[in-house]
Amino acid sequence: MKIRYNYLSQEFENTKNIFFEWKKLIKTTDFTLGHKVEEFEKKIGKFLNIKYIISTNNGTDALKLSLKSIGIKNGDEVITVCNSFYASAGAIVALGARPVFIDCDDRFQMNYNLISNAINNKTKAIMPVHWGGASPDMDKITKIAKKYNLKVIEDACMGIGGNILGKSPGSFGDISAFSMHPLKSLNVMGDGGFVGTNNKSIFNWLKKYRNHGMIDRDRISFWGENFRLQPLQAVVALNQLKKLKKVIKIRNNNAKYLDKQLSALYPNVKIPPRPRGFKETFALYMANFSKRNELRSYLLKRGVETKIHYPIPLHLQKASKKFNYKKKDFPVAEKQSKSLITIPVHQYLDMKHMQYISNLIRKFYEK
């Protein structure tokens, strides 16, 4: 059996609806922002229960815009995790600020118990990451931020369609960034993203800044930049939004089955805890496995593709040398990076695929 990690050939096998809407859009020549972008912003805001949405050309720029909108500048410090994708810390660095890393917990999420010790007079914000489509304890993080008068920027790039005790990822902080990269739960044909906030003044600033600071065609309020989502991608996002609840349901069913089967293989397999009331998107289904590299080779020879997210934590990357981090600074993330595997649980897989994967893993450890 062949189980591919990348499912995009299946995701966009039928493009009839998208092409139909593209043809209508092309006839209007509404190619810069316009009605389709506005329609998407309105519908995704309603879906997430966030008042104001500003669509962007990708998730990384959504992070940069979020940071800039709350005044993060050269010399500031922003607390974030060391086990995320590069864009989380990269957006902070792009504004001249310093990412202050803290360790993660056994769920691969920000360990809120470590935040207070990382705060100093240069700290301006906390950037929790909804890593893998799971979520940190946002209630505790926002309480810490309030205590120290800090802003919260949620990196909710993998969180679209998740739920935390009745609230969407990205709806807890002052502002949040989302990605519609092709392998996210809500995806477009290329890059796309958006910023969400319930703060009207932040929204008004963002709406201008992402469009050169323009008031109208002939006037600008300030020097902005071009971070606009393309209307053709907005059409794709609207099409994908219709399917999102079904996508999340299938991924959760697949993950639930794997959790049950693989938990019996402890301590060779360590499944992260799943807190009650936390609904994940399973953009990544991650767990820790002994003999990680041998297991991956064993699975690949039998048709199962897997990934590692990621083998080198951010603080040990070459780009982080200037921040003077070293090995053993964040032992949990470093230990996890040596044993974690990401297994496909996407919406084009079903129970027979999950049974095949779990049986292979069981047989590997029985050997």
Foldseek 3Di string as FASTA:
>chain_A
DADDQDDVCVVVVDCPQLVVVVVVCVVVVQWFCDDLVVVLQVVLCVQQVFDGKAKFQFQLVLLLLVCVLVPQAAQAEEEEAFQAPPSNQVSSVVRNYHYDHAAADLQRWRDLVCVVVSDDPRYAAYETECHQQFGDPLVSNVVVCVVVVHFYEYACQQNRQKFALRHGRQARTQKYKYWQDPLHLQHFDHTIIMMTHNDVVSNVQSNLQCVQQDPDPPDHPDGHHHGHHTSSRSSSSVVSVVCRNVFQVQLVVLLVVLCVLCVVVPPQKAARDDDPRTRGSSSWRKIFGPPQVVLQVLVVVVNFHKDQSALATNCRDPVNVVVPDDPPPHVVSNVRSVGMITGRRGPVDHDVVSVVVSVSVVVVVVD
